[in-house]
C-alpha atoms as a PDB file:
ATOM      1  CA  MET A   1       0.000   0.000   0.000  1.00  0.00           C
ATOM      2  CA  ILE A   2       0.921   3.648  -0.395  1.00  0.00           C
ATOM      3  CA  ASN A   3       2.009   4.663   3.086  1.00  0.00           C
ATOM      4  CA  ALA A   4       1.826   7.925   5.013  1.00  0.00           C
ATOM      5  CA  GLY A   5       5.310   8.894   3.870  1.00  0.00           C
ATOM      6  CA  VAL A   6       3.884   9.752   0.447  1.00  0.00           C
ATOM      7  CA  VAL A   7       3.098  13.463   0.159  1.00  0.00           C
ATOM      8  CA  ILE A   8       0.886  15.477  -2.173  1.00  0.00           C
ATOM      9  CA  ARG A   9       2.227  19.013  -2.553  1.00  0.00           C
ATOM     10  CA  PRO A  10       2.231  21.884  -5.072  1.00  0.00           C
ATOM     11  CA  ALA A  11       4.685  21.383  -7.922  1.00  0.00           C
ATOM     12  CA  ALA A  12       7.903  23.418  -7.907  1.00  0.00           C
ATOM     13  CA  GLY A  13      10.249  24.520 -10.667  1.00  0.00           C
ATOM     14  CA  SER A  14      12.652  21.757  -9.682  1.00  0.00           C
ATOM     15  CA  ASP A  15      10.020  19.167 -10.673  1.00  0.00           C
ATOM     16  CA  LEU A  16      10.300  19.966 -14.393  1.00  0.00           C
ATOM     17  CA  GLU A  17      12.276  16.895 -15.469  1.00  0.00           C
ATOM     18  CA  ALA A  18      10.201  14.533 -13.340  1.00  0.00           C
ATOM     19  CA  LEU A  19       6.981  15.930 -14.797  1.00  0.00           C
ATOM     20  CA  HIS A  20       8.379  15.641 -18.307  1.00  0.00           C
ATOM     21  CA  ALA A  21       9.122  11.968 -17.685  1.00  0.00           C
ATOM     22  CA  LEU A  22       5.560  11.412 -16.449  1.00  0.00           C
ATOM     23  CA  ALA A  23       4.101  13.287 -19.426  1.00  0.00           C
ATOM     24  CA  ALA A  24       6.099  11.164 -21.857  1.00  0.00           C
ATOM     25  CA  GLY A  25       4.360   8.078 -20.494  1.00  0.00           C
ATOM     26  CA  ALA A  26       0.858   9.540 -20.404  1.00  0.00           C
ATOM     27  CA  GLY A  27       0.114   9.481 -24.143  1.00  0.00           C
ATOM     28  CA  LEU A  28      -2.095  11.704 -26.305  1.00  0.00           C
ATOM     29  CA  GLY A  29      -5.126  13.440 -24.860  1.00  0.00           C
ATOM     30  CA  MET A  30      -3.577  14.454 -21.533  1.00  0.00           C
ATOM     31  CA  THR A  31      -3.942  18.139 -22.373  1.00  0.00           C
ATOM     32  CA  ASN A  32      -2.939  19.309 -18.907  1.00  0.00           C
ATOM     33  CA  LEU A  33       0.266  17.249 -18.899  1.00  0.00           C
ATOM     34  CA  PRO A  34       2.038  18.051 -22.190  1.00  0.00           C
ATOM     35  CA  PRO A  35       5.281  16.174 -23.004  1.00  0.00           C
ATOM     36  CA  CYS A  36       7.089  19.440 -23.751  1.00  0.00           C
ATOM     37  CA  ARG A  37       9.617  21.009 -21.376  1.00  0.00           C
ATOM     38  CA  GLU A  38       8.829  24.538 -22.554  1.00  0.00           C
ATOM     39  CA  ARG A  39       5.095  24.164 -21.978  1.00  0.00           C
ATOM     40  CA  LEU A  40       5.601  22.363 -18.674  1.00  0.00           C
ATOM     41  CA  GLY A  41       7.927  25.147 -17.552  1.00  0.00           C
ATOM     42  CA  ALA A  42       5.245  27.700 -18.386  1.00  0.00           C
ATOM     43  CA  LEU A  43       2.659  25.654 -16.466  1.00  0.00           C
ATOM     44  CA  LEU A  44       4.942  25.486 -13.437  1.00  0.00           C
ATOM     45  CA  ALA A  45       5.478  29.247 -13.531  1.00  0.00           C
ATOM     46  CA  GLY A  46       1.744  29.823 -13.909  1.00  0.00           C
ATOM     47  CA  SER A  47       0.995  27.472 -11.038  1.00  0.00           C
ATOM     48  CA  ALA A  48       3.407  29.330  -8.748  1.00  0.00           C
ATOM     49  CA  ALA A  49       1.766  32.623  -9.719  1.00  0.00           C
ATOM     50  CA  ALA A  50      -1.716  31.232  -9.026  1.00  0.00           C
ATOM     51  CA  LEU A  51      -0.657  29.970  -5.609  1.00  0.00           C
ATOM     52  CA  ASN A  52       0.601  33.459  -4.822  1.00  0.00           C
ATOM     53  CA  GLY A  53      -2.602  35.244  -5.763  1.00  0.00           C
ATOM     54  CA  ALA A  54      -2.529  35.647  -9.570  1.00  0.00           C
ATOM     55  CA  ARG A  55      -5.579  33.481 -10.163  1.00  0.00           C
ATOM     56  CA  LYS A  56      -6.914  34.848 -13.419  1.00  0.00           C
ATOM     57  CA  ALA A  57      -9.313  32.713 -15.442  1.00  0.00           C
ATOM     58  CA  GLY A  58      -7.467  29.753 -16.928  1.00  0.00           C
ATOM     59  CA  ALA A  59      -4.720  29.671 -14.277  1.00  0.00           C
ATOM     60  CA  GLN A  60      -3.662  26.123 -13.487  1.00  0.00           C
ATOM     61  CA  ILE A  61      -2.414  24.799 -10.127  1.00  0.00           C
ATOM     62  CA  LEU A  62      -0.194  21.732 -10.422  1.00  0.00           C
ATOM     63  CA  LEU A  63       0.032  19.206  -7.595  1.00  0.00           C
ATOM     64  CA  VAL A  64       2.491  16.319  -7.476  1.00  0.00           C
ATOM     65  CA  MET A  65       2.785  13.082  -5.565  1.00  0.00           C
ATOM     66  CA  GLU A  66       6.215  12.596  -4.009  1.00  0.00           C
ATOM     67  CA  ALA A  67       7.413   9.227  -2.680  1.00  0.00           C
ATOM     68  CA  ALA A  68      10.894   8.792  -1.205  1.00  0.00           C
ATOM     69  CA  GLY A  69      11.896  12.116  -2.738  1.00  0.00           C
ATOM     70  CA  GLU A  70      10.730  11.131  -6.239  1.00  0.00           C
ATOM     71  CA  VAL A  71       7.770  12.585  -8.147  1.00  0.00           C
ATOM     72  CA  VAL A  72       5.531   9.673  -9.159  1.00  0.00           C
ATOM     73  CA  GLY A  73       2.200  11.341  -9.952  1.00  0.00           C
ATOM     74  CA  THR A  74       0.491  14.606 -10.758  1.00  0.00           C
ATOM     75  CA  ALA A  75      -2.896  16.301 -11.053  1.00  0.00           C
ATOM     76  CA  CYS A  76      -4.109  19.835 -11.586  1.00  0.00           C
ATOM     77  CA  ILE A  77      -6.802  22.284 -10.527  1.00  0.00           C
ATOM     78  CA  PHE A  78      -8.107  25.277 -12.465  1.00  0.00           C
ATOM     79  CA  PRO A  79      -9.740  27.738 -10.035  1.00  0.00           C
ATOM     80  CA  SER A  80     -11.777  29.136 -12.959  1.00  0.00           C
ATOM     81  CA  VAL A  81     -12.096  28.186 -16.622  1.00  0.00           C
ATOM     82  CA  GLY A  82     -13.230  30.398 -19.467  1.00  0.00           C
ATOM     83  CA  GLY A  83     -12.643  34.136 -19.264  1.00  0.00           C
ATOM     84  CA  ASP A  84     -10.303  35.360 -22.010  1.00  0.00           C
ATOM     85  CA  TRP A  85     -10.468  31.955 -23.725  1.00  0.00           C
ATOM     86  CA  PRO A  86     -13.990  30.453 -23.548  1.00  0.00           C
ATOM     87  CA  PHE A  87     -14.411  26.867 -22.381  1.00  0.00           C
ATOM     88  CA  TYR A  88     -16.021  25.026 -25.270  1.00  0.00           C
ATOM     89  CA  SER A  89     -18.121  21.864 -25.132  1.00  0.00           C
ATOM     90  CA  TYR A  90     -20.718  20.115 -27.232  1.00  0.00           C
ATOM     91  CA  ARG A  91     -24.057  19.602 -25.483  1.00  0.00           C
ATOM     92  CA  ILE A  92     -25.911  16.439 -26.496  1.00  0.00           C
ATOM     93  CA  GLY A  93     -29.526  17.221 -27.354  1.00  0.00           C
ATOM     94  CA  ARG A  94     -32.562  15.746 -29.037  1.00  0.00           C
ATOM     95  CA  LEU A  95     -34.505  17.281 -31.904  1.00  0.00           C
ATOM     96  CA  ARG A  96     -37.971  15.872 -32.573  1.00  0.00           C
ATOM     97  CA  GLN A  97     -39.644  16.714 -35.907  1.00  0.00           C
ATOM     98  CA  THR A  98     -43.135  15.737 -37.106  1.00  0.00           C
ATOM     99  CA  SER A  99     -44.535  15.609 -40.621  1.00  0.00           C
ATOM    100  CA  GLN A 100     -48.328  15.553 -40.540  1.00  0.00           C
ATOM    101  CA  ALA A 101     -48.425  15.021 -44.312  1.00  0.00           C
ATOM    102  CA  LEU A 102     -46.431  11.796 -43.969  1.00  0.00           C
ATOM    103  CA  GLY A 103     -47.662  10.888 -40.517  1.00  0.00           C
ATOM    104  CA  LYS A 104     -44.036  10.490 -39.542  1.00  0.00           C
ATOM    105  CA  VAL A 105     -42.038  11.502 -36.473  1.00  0.00           C
ATOM    106  CA  VAL A 106     -38.229  11.726 -36.643  1.00  0.00           C
ATOM    107  CA  GLU A 107     -35.905  12.182 -33.672  1.00  0.00           C
ATOM    108  CA  ASN A 108     -32.285  13.186 -34.143  1.00  0.00           C
ATOM    109  CA  THR A 109     -29.435  13.482 -31.675  1.00  0.00           C
ATOM    110  CA  ILE A 110     -27.557  16.739 -32.153  1.00  0.00           C
ATOM    111  CA  LEU A 111     -24.379  18.268 -30.745  1.00  0.00           C
ATOM    112  CA  THR A 112     -24.563  22.008 -30.065  1.00  0.00           C
ATOM    113  CA  PRO A 113     -21.442  24.136 -29.294  1.00  0.00           C
ATOM    114  CA  VAL A 114     -21.822  25.758 -25.839  1.00  0.00           C
ATOM    115  CA  ASN A 115     -19.844  27.633 -23.182  1.00  0.00           C
ATOM    116  CA  ASP A 116     -21.964  26.350 -20.280  1.00  0.00           C
ATOM    117  CA  TYR A 117     -19.053  25.870 -17.888  1.00  0.00           C
ATOM    118  CA  ASP A 118     -17.319  29.242 -18.078  1.00  0.00           C
ATOM    119  CA  GLY A 119     -16.447  30.338 -14.533  1.00  0.00           C
ATOM    120  CA  SER A 120     -16.448  26.825 -13.087  1.00  0.00           C
ATOM    121  CA  ALA A 121     -13.447  25.215 -11.460  1.00  0.00           C
ATOM    122  CA  GLU A 122     -11.885  22.243 -13.231  1.00  0.00           C
ATOM    123  CA  VAL A 123      -9.838  19.263 -12.095  1.00  0.00           C
ATOM    124  CA  GLY A 124      -7.803  17.206 -14.528  1.00  0.00           C
ATOM    125  CA  GLY A 125      -4.376  15.969 -15.529  1.00  0.00           C
ATOM    126  CA  LEU A 126      -4.559  13.027 -13.104  1.00  0.00           C
ATOM    127  CA  PHE A 127      -1.716  10.641 -13.840  1.00  0.00           C
ATOM    128  CA  VAL A 128       0.336   8.314 -11.667  1.00  0.00           C
ATOM    129  CA  ARG A 129       3.219   6.124 -12.705  1.00  0.00           C
ATOM    130  CA  PRO A 130       1.720   2.885 -14.094  1.00  0.00           C
ATOM    131  CA  GLY A 131       3.551   0.703 -11.579  1.00  0.00           C
ATOM    132  CA  LEU A 132       1.622   2.389  -8.753  1.00  0.00           C
ATOM    133  CA  ARG A 133      -1.829   1.791 -10.180  1.00  0.00           C
ATOM    134  CA  GLY A 134      -3.957  -0.487  -8.043  1.00  0.00           C
ATOM    135  CA  LEU A 135      -2.242   0.738  -4.859  1.00  0.00           C
ATOM    136  CA  ALA A 136      -4.690   3.585  -4.165  1.00  0.00           C
ATOM    137  CA  ALA A 137      -2.192   6.123  -5.524  1.00  0.00           C
ATOM    138  CA  GLY A 138      -4.694   7.524  -8.010  1.00  0.00           C
ATOM    139  CA  ARG A 139      -7.350   7.850  -5.326  1.00  0.00           C
ATOM    140  CA  LEU A 140      -4.902   9.614  -3.018  1.00  0.00           C
ATOM    141  CA  MET A 141      -3.862  12.005  -5.793  1.00  0.00           C
ATOM    142  CA  ALA A 142      -7.453  12.709  -6.846  1.00  0.00           C
ATOM    143  CA  ARG A 143      -8.959  13.233  -3.386  1.00  0.00           C
ATOM    144  CA  SER A 144      -6.123  15.512  -2.280  1.00  0.00           C
ATOM    145  CA  ARG A 145      -7.335  18.019  -4.886  1.00  0.00           C
ATOM    146  CA  TYR A 146     -10.690  18.251  -3.153  1.00  0.00           C
ATOM    147  CA  LEU A 147      -9.107  18.851   0.254  1.00  0.00           C
ATOM    148  CA  PHE A 148      -7.075  21.617  -1.406  1.00  0.00           C
ATOM    149  CA  MET A 149     -10.326  23.123  -2.664  1.00  0.00           C
ATOM    150  CA  ALA A 150     -11.890  22.866   0.790  1.00  0.00           C
ATOM    151  CA  GLU A 151      -8.880  24.596   2.373  1.00  0.00           C
ATOM    152  CA  HIS A 152      -8.990  27.393  -0.229  1.00  0.00           C
ATOM    153  CA  ARG A 153     -12.766  27.532  -0.659  1.00  0.00           C
ATOM    154  CA  ASP A 154     -12.863  31.250  -1.477  1.00  0.00           C
ATOM    155  CA  TRP A 155     -10.683  30.621  -4.557  1.00  0.00           C
ATOM    156  CA  PHE A 156     -13.478  28.701  -6.268  1.00  0.00           C
ATOM    157  CA  ALA A 157     -17.069  29.236  -7.403  1.00  0.00           C
ATOM    158  CA  GLU A 158     -19.884  26.721  -6.858  1.00  0.00           C
ATOM    159  CA  ARG A 159     -19.257  24.135  -9.568  1.00  0.00           C
ATOM    160  CA  VAL A 160     -16.347  21.949 -10.637  1.00  0.00           C
ATOM    161  CA  VAL A 161     -15.970  20.008 -13.885  1.00  0.00           C
ATOM    162  CA  SER A 162     -13.659  17.271 -15.101  1.00  0.00           C
ATOM    163  CA  GLU A 163     -13.122  16.302 -18.744  1.00  0.00           C
ATOM    164  CA  LEU A 164     -12.335  12.630 -19.187  1.00  0.00           C
ATOM    165  CA  ARG A 165     -10.081  11.710 -22.077  1.00  0.00           C
ATOM    166  CA  GLY A 166     -12.183  10.484 -24.992  1.00  0.00           C
ATOM    167  CA  TYR A 167     -12.117   7.126 -26.696  1.00  0.00           C
ATOM    168  CA  GLN A 168      -9.173   6.113 -28.890  1.00  0.00           C
ATOM    169  CA  ASP A 169      -8.725   2.727 -30.513  1.00  0.00           C
ATOM    170  CA  ALA A 170      -5.744   0.415 -30.039  1.00  0.00           C
ATOM    171  CA  ASP A 171      -3.804   2.342 -32.689  1.00  0.00           C
ATOM    172  CA  GLY A 172      -4.369   5.698 -30.968  1.00  0.00           C
ATOM    173  CA  ARG A 173      -6.940   6.782 -33.551  1.00  0.00           C
ATOM    174  CA  CYS A 174      -9.755   9.024 -32.292  1.00  0.00           C
ATOM    175  CA  PRO A 175     -12.906   8.232 -34.331  1.00  0.00           C
ATOM    176  CA  PHE A 176     -14.735  11.423 -33.364  1.00  0.00           C
ATOM    177  CA  TRP A 177     -11.790  13.604 -34.324  1.00  0.00           C
ATOM    178  CA  GLU A 178     -11.460  11.880 -37.687  1.00  0.00           C
ATOM    179  CA  ALA A 179     -15.164  12.391 -38.423  1.00  0.00           C
ATOM    180  CA  VAL A 180     -15.576  15.959 -37.134  1.00  0.00           C
ATOM    181  CA  GLY A 181     -12.479  17.782 -35.930  1.00  0.00           C
ATOM    182  CA  ARG A 182     -10.212  17.021 -38.847  1.00  0.00           C
ATOM    183  CA  LYS A 183     -12.807  18.378 -41.309  1.00  0.00           C
ATOM    184  CA  PHE A 184     -13.038  21.743 -39.552  1.00  0.00           C
ATOM    185  CA  TYR A 185      -9.500  22.308 -38.291  1.00  0.00           C
ATOM    186  CA  GLY A 186      -7.394  20.487 -40.884  1.00  0.00           C
ATOM    187  CA  LEU A 187      -5.030  19.204 -38.192  1.00  0.00           C
ATOM    188  CA  GLU A 188      -3.752  15.889 -36.933  1.00  0.00           C
ATOM    189  CA  PHE A 189      -5.208  14.957 -33.551  1.00  0.00           C
ATOM    190  CA  LYS A 190      -1.780  15.290 -31.926  1.00  0.00           C
ATOM    191  CA  GLU A 191      -1.456  18.887 -33.152  1.00  0.00           C
ATOM    192  CA  ALA A 192      -5.011  19.749 -32.109  1.00  0.00           C
ATOM    193  CA  ASP A 193      -4.318  18.337 -28.667  1.00  0.00           C
ATOM    194  CA  ARG A 194      -1.224  20.528 -28.417  1.00  0.00           C
ATOM    195  CA  ILE A 195      -3.049  23.771 -29.188  1.00  0.00           C
ATOM    196  CA  SER A 196      -6.210  23.034 -27.210  1.00  0.00           C
ATOM    197  CA  VAL A 197      -5.191  25.056 -24.138  1.00  0.00           C
ATOM    198  CA  GLY A 198      -4.841  28.793 -23.537  1.00  0.00           C
ATOM    199  CA  PRO A 199      -4.655  31.054 -26.610  1.00  0.00           C
ATOM    200  CA  GLY A 200      -5.011  27.998 -28.836  1.00  0.00           C
ATOM    201  CA  LYS A 201      -8.697  27.965 -27.944  1.00  0.00           C
ATOM    202  CA  GLN A 202      -9.110  30.958 -30.240  1.00  0.00           C
ATOM    203  CA  VAL A 203      -8.562  28.514 -33.103  1.00  0.00           C
ATOM    204  CA  ILE A 204     -11.647  26.657 -31.914  1.00  0.00           C
ATOM    205  CA  ALA A 205     -13.699  29.839 -32.038  1.00  0.00           C
ATOM    206  CA  ASP A 206     -12.294  30.804 -35.439  1.00  0.00           C
ATOM    207  CA  LEU A 207     -12.637  27.492 -37.267  1.00  0.00           C
ATOM    208  CA  GLY A 208     -15.045  25.307 -35.287  1.00  0.00           C
ATOM    209  CA  PRO A 209     -18.648  24.575 -36.299  1.00  0.00           C
ATOM    210  CA  LYS A 210     -21.128  27.306 -35.374  1.00  0.00           C
ATOM    211  CA  TYR A 211     -24.258  25.184 -35.811  1.00  0.00           C
ATOM    212  CA  PRO A 212     -25.465  21.854 -34.368  1.00  0.00           C
ATOM    213  CA  ILE A 213     -23.998  18.626 -35.714  1.00  0.00           C
ATOM    214  CA  TYR A 214     -26.432  15.799 -36.520  1.00  0.00           C
ATOM    215  CA  LEU A 215     -25.046  12.513 -35.228  1.00  0.00           C
ATOM    216  CA  ASN A 216     -26.862  10.463 -37.873  1.00  0.00           C
ATOM    217  CA  LEU A 217     -24.566  12.073 -40.470  1.00  0.00           C
ATOM    218  CA  LEU A 218     -21.438  10.679 -38.803  1.00  0.00           C
ATOM    219  CA  PRO A 219     -19.825   7.245 -39.242  1.00  0.00           C
ATOM    220  CA  PRO A 220     -20.952   4.599 -36.702  1.00  0.00           C
ATOM    221  CA  ASP A 221     -17.599   4.481 -34.911  1.00  0.00           C
ATOM    222  CA  ALA A 222     -17.693   8.256 -34.331  1.00  0.00           C
ATOM    223  CA  VAL A 223     -21.250   8.043 -32.982  1.00  0.00           C
ATOM    224  CA  GLU A 224     -20.256   5.232 -30.620  1.00  0.00           C
ATOM    225  CA  ALA A 225     -17.374   7.360 -29.302  1.00  0.00           C
ATOM    226  CA  VAL A 226     -19.655  10.204 -28.149  1.00  0.00           C
ATOM    227  CA  GLY A 227     -19.556  10.385 -24.346  1.00  0.00           C
ATOM    228  CA  ARG A 228     -17.221   7.377 -24.149  1.00  0.00           C
ATOM    229  CA  PHE A 229     -14.022   7.660 -22.169  1.00  0.00           C
ATOM    230  CA  HIS A 230     -10.563   6.330 -23.052  1.00  0.00           C
ATOM    231  CA  PRO A 231      -9.905   2.663 -22.197  1.00  0.00           C
ATOM    232  CA  ASP A 232      -7.393   3.827 -19.579  1.00  0.00           C
ATOM    233  CA  GLY A 233      -9.959   6.137 -17.977  1.00  0.00           C
ATOM    234  CA  ALA A 234     -12.227   3.616 -16.243  1.00  0.00           C
ATOM    235  CA  ARG A 235     -10.598   4.098 -12.849  1.00  0.00           C
ATOM    236  CA  ALA A 236     -10.615   7.892 -13.166  1.00  0.00           C
ATOM    237  CA  HIS A 237     -14.306   7.779 -14.041  1.00  0.00           C
ATOM    238  CA  ALA A 238     -15.049   5.550 -11.034  1.00  0.00           C
ATOM    239  CA  LEU A 239     -13.189   7.938  -8.708  1.00  0.00           C
ATOM    240  CA  LEU A 240     -15.181  10.899 -10.001  1.00  0.00           C
ATOM    241  CA  VAL A 241     -18.504   9.105  -9.566  1.00  0.00           C
ATOM    242  CA  GLU A 242     -17.530   8.009  -6.058  1.00  0.00           C
ATOM    243  CA  GLU A 243     -16.778  11.616  -5.147  1.00  0.00           C
ATOM    244  CA  GLY A 244     -20.143  12.864  -6.439  1.00  0.00           C
ATOM    245  CA  PHE A 245     -19.500  13.846 -10.067  1.00  0.00           C
ATOM    246  CA  ARG A 246     -22.104  13.096 -12.730  1.00  0.00           C
ATOM    247  CA  PHE A 247     -22.393  13.287 -16.500  1.00  0.00           C
ATOM    248  CA  ASP A 248     -24.956  15.911 -17.502  1.00  0.00           C
ATOM    249  CA  GLY A 249     -24.763  15.803 -21.271  1.00  0.00           C
ATOM    250  CA  CYS A 250     -21.667  17.732 -22.395  1.00  0.00           C
ATOM    251  CA  ILE A 251     -18.641  16.295 -24.199  1.00  0.00           C
ATOM    252  CA  ASP A 252     -15.185  17.467 -25.224  1.00  0.00           C
ATOM    253  CA  ILE A 253     -15.156  19.119 -28.645  1.00  0.00           C
ATOM    254  CA  PHE A 254     -12.044  17.267 -29.836  1.00  0.00           C
ATOM    255  CA  ASP A 255     -12.377  13.655 -28.689  1.00  0.00           C
ATOM    256  CA  ALA A 256     -16.028  13.527 -27.433  1.00  0.00           C
ATOM    257  CA  GLY A 257     -14.981  12.375 -23.945  1.00  0.00           C
ATOM    258  CA  PRO A 258     -17.601  12.987 -21.219  1.00  0.00           C
ATOM    259  CA  THR A 259     -17.502  16.133 -19.081  1.00  0.00           C
ATOM    260  CA  MET A 260     -18.334  15.277 -15.464  1.00  0.00           C
ATOM    261  CA  THR A 261     -19.737  17.933 -13.112  1.00  0.00           C
ATOM    262  CA  ALA A 262     -20.343  18.412  -9.379  1.00  0.00           C
ATOM    263  CA  GLU A 263     -21.127  21.076  -6.815  1.00  0.00           C
ATOM    264  CA  ILE A 264     -17.928  21.713  -4.860  1.00  0.00           C
ATOM    265  CA  ASP A 265     -19.674  21.752  -1.479  1.00  0.00           C
ATOM    266  CA  GLY A 266     -21.306  18.434  -2.382  1.00  0.00           C
ATOM    267  CA  LEU A 267     -18.037  16.614  -3.081  1.00  0.00           C
ATOM    268  CA  LYS A 268     -17.612  13.776  -0.611  1.00  0.00           C
ATOM    269  CA  ALA A 269     -14.154  14.904   0.531  1.00  0.00           C
ATOM    270  CA  VAL A 270     -15.348  18.487   1.023  1.00  0.00           C
ATOM    271  CA  ARG A 271     -18.708  17.660   2.603  1.00  0.00           C
ATOM    272  CA  ASP A 272     -17.390  15.042   5.045  1.00  0.00           C
ATOM    273  CA  SER A 273     -14.072  16.661   6.015  1.00  0.00           C
ATOM    274  CA  ARG A 274     -13.551  18.405   9.319  1.00  0.00           C
ATOM    275  CA  VAL A 275     -10.798  20.408  10.983  1.00  0.00           C
ATOM    276  CA  SER A 276      -9.247  19.106  14.215  1.00  0.00           C
ATOM    277  CA  GLU A 277      -6.340  19.879  16.492  1.00  0.00           C
ATOM    278  CA  VAL A 278      -3.554  17.320  16.235  1.00  0.00           C
ATOM    279  CA  GLU A 279      -1.978  15.181  18.937  1.00  0.00           C
ATOM    280  CA  VAL A 280       1.126  13.314  17.748  1.00  0.00           C
ATOM    281  CA  GLY A 281       1.832   9.918  19.268  1.00  0.00           C
ATOM    282  CA  PRO A 282       1.669   6.165  18.679  1.00  0.00           C
ATOM    283  CA  CYS A 283      -1.413   5.368  16.589  1.00  0.00           C
ATOM    284  CA  GLU A 284      -1.855   1.748  15.594  1.00  0.00           C
ATOM    285  CA  ALA A 285      -5.638   1.647  15.831  1.00  0.00           C
ATOM    286  CA  GLY A 286      -8.157   4.100  14.430  1.00  0.00           C
ATOM    287  CA  ILE A 287      -9.151   4.579  10.816  1.00  0.00           C
ATOM    288  CA  GLU A 288      -7.333   5.431   7.597  1.00  0.00           C
ATOM    289  CA  VAL A 289      -7.611   9.146   6.909  1.00  0.00           C
ATOM    290  CA  LEU A 290      -6.558  11.614   4.245  1.00  0.00           C
ATOM    291  CA  ALA A 291      -5.322  14.774   5.939  1.00  0.00           C
ATOM    292  CA  CYS A 292      -3.914  18.092   4.816  1.00  0.00           C
ATOM    293  CA  HIS A 293      -2.211  21.113   6.337  1.00  0.00           C
ATOM    294  CA  GLY A 294      -0.967  24.439   5.036  1.00  0.00           C
ATOM    295  CA  ALA A 295      -2.081  26.937   2.428  1.00  0.00           C
ATOM    296  CA  GLY A 296      -0.862  27.939  -1.024  1.00  0.00           C
ATOM    297  CA  GLU A 297       2.687  26.757  -1.689  1.00  0.00           C
ATOM    298  CA  GLY A 298       2.793  25.281   1.827  1.00  0.00           C
ATOM    299  CA  PHE A 299      -0.092  22.851   1.231  1.00  0.00           C
ATOM    300  CA  ARG A 300       0.666  19.210   1.999  1.00  0.00           C
ATOM    301  CA  ALA A 301      -1.600  16.159   2.051  1.00  0.00           C
ATOM    302  CA  SER A 302      -0.983  12.548   3.002  1.00  0.00           C
ATOM    303  CA  ARG A 303      -2.749   9.500   4.420  1.00  0.00           C
ATOM    304  CA  GLY A 304      -2.307   7.360   7.496  1.00  0.00           C
ATOM    305  CA  ARG A 305      -3.917   5.989  10.639  1.00  0.00           C
ATOM    306  CA  ALA A 306      -5.677   8.377  12.999  1.00  0.00           C
ATOM    307  CA  GLU A 307      -7.858   8.244  16.090  1.00  0.00           C
ATOM    308  CA  LEU A 308     -10.494  10.904  16.699  1.00  0.00           C
ATOM    309  CA  ARG A 309     -10.641  11.617  20.431  1.00  0.00           C
ATOM    310  CA  GLY A 310     -13.366  14.169  20.902  1.00  0.00           C
ATOM    311  CA  GLU A 311     -12.144  17.304  19.156  1.00  0.00           C
ATOM    312  CA  MET A 312      -8.552  16.015  19.034  1.00  0.00           C
ATOM    313  CA  LEU A 313      -7.107  13.931  16.190  1.00  0.00           C
ATOM    314  CA  ARG A 314      -4.289  11.604  17.236  1.00  0.00           C
ATOM    315  CA  ILE A 315      -1.877  10.779  14.399  1.00  0.00           C
ATOM    316  CA  GLY A 316       1.395   8.869  14.223  1.00  0.00           C
ATOM    317  CA  PRO A 317       4.836  10.469  13.837  1.00  0.00           C
ATOM    318  CA  GLU A 318       5.146   9.394  10.192  1.00  0.00           C
ATOM    319  CA  LEU A 319       1.949  11.171   9.126  1.00  0.00           C
ATOM    320  CA  ALA A 320       2.898  14.186  11.249  1.00  0.00           C
ATOM    321  CA  GLN A 321       6.255  14.363   9.473  1.00  0.00           C
ATOM    322  CA  ALA A 322       4.623  14.080   6.046  1.00  0.00           C
ATOM    323  CA  LEU A 323       2.270  16.956   6.875  1.00  0.00           C
ATOM    324  CA  GLN A 324       4.975  18.900   8.743  1.00  0.00           C
ATOM    325  CA  VAL A 325       2.762  19.322  11.814  1.00  0.00           C
ATOM    326  CA  GLU A 326       3.201  18.878  15.552  1.00  0.00           C
ATOM    327  CA  THR A 327       0.911  18.595  18.543  1.00  0.00           C
ATOM    328  CA  GLY A 328      -1.383  21.611  18.690  1.00  0.00           C
ATOM    329  CA  ASP A 329      -1.520  22.266  14.957  1.00  0.00           C
ATOM    330  CA  ARG A 330      -4.805  21.939  13.087  1.00  0.00           C
ATOM    331  CA  VAL A 331      -5.413  19.747  10.055  1.00  0.00           C
ATOM    332  CA  ARG A 332      -8.339  19.049   7.760  1.00  0.00           C
ATOM    333  CA  HIS A 333      -9.124  15.358   7.473  1.00  0.00           C
ATOM    334  CA  VAL A 334     -11.591  12.918   5.969  1.00  0.00           C
ATOM    335  CA  GLU A 335     -11.883   9.141   6.082  1.00  0.00           C
ATOM    336  CA  PHE A 336      -9.898   7.680   3.190  1.00  0.00           C
END
């Protein structure tokens, strides 16, 4: 199991090479973890600025998982999407048409370009080294984001979204992109993925479809890909659902992956967490908790055994060291 010595913390400039190595293994579609040192460096600089108060729309906060001094996972939080560069989605809708002359009723599924999520927070970029999968590392990385949001609640609005990577076949081909995106943008999927953040979104506004797309005009494999997540995304989807996210009918405009949404205050980790004063000492009983301490660049989260004794939370020395707390400090915690 992942033990309490593993720490989730904000990414620093010194993490550039480690993040680049992770990005290289993540594959296409991980927009928030680009395998490019220049872009990663810009993201790290932007994350540091956001943690220090420059949280303009589109700012991205990078968190990393550190184990034995090595970065083995990452995830990100956008305090607010949209703003200068609108957040585009396709909303799945139904259009019912009736011909009295023919006595015929026809229903079509249509995709309409929308900016429904502008101003929402977003979580994404969740990736842990493959060898750690199945050891609760992904769950630890994912849930730490929500404790961060709870600790910095005034940084965020009411809603949070998460775009799951869309379906690709075994050869890395994206059926929806081939049927729709390529025809409008004239780009390879890899290039579209590269420009899909920040100022690149202007390309979407300039060249993307302005009117609804009828699904019955698309090839069957493209239709089947609508709202379907990448084969590697099953665990990420399950974690989102467990936390309280739901699919409410919007998909990514490039790969048709589902956009999941939730109310921040309704997230399980936010709703069920509480703040307690810490007592450090032997702790072999109790329950497994996820706990965090610190704000901004000083934020740290980890997991370990804890005993709730009235208003006091007793934790072991290892968890205390991971969180950099001592007896008398206060931490936010939730059952893991």
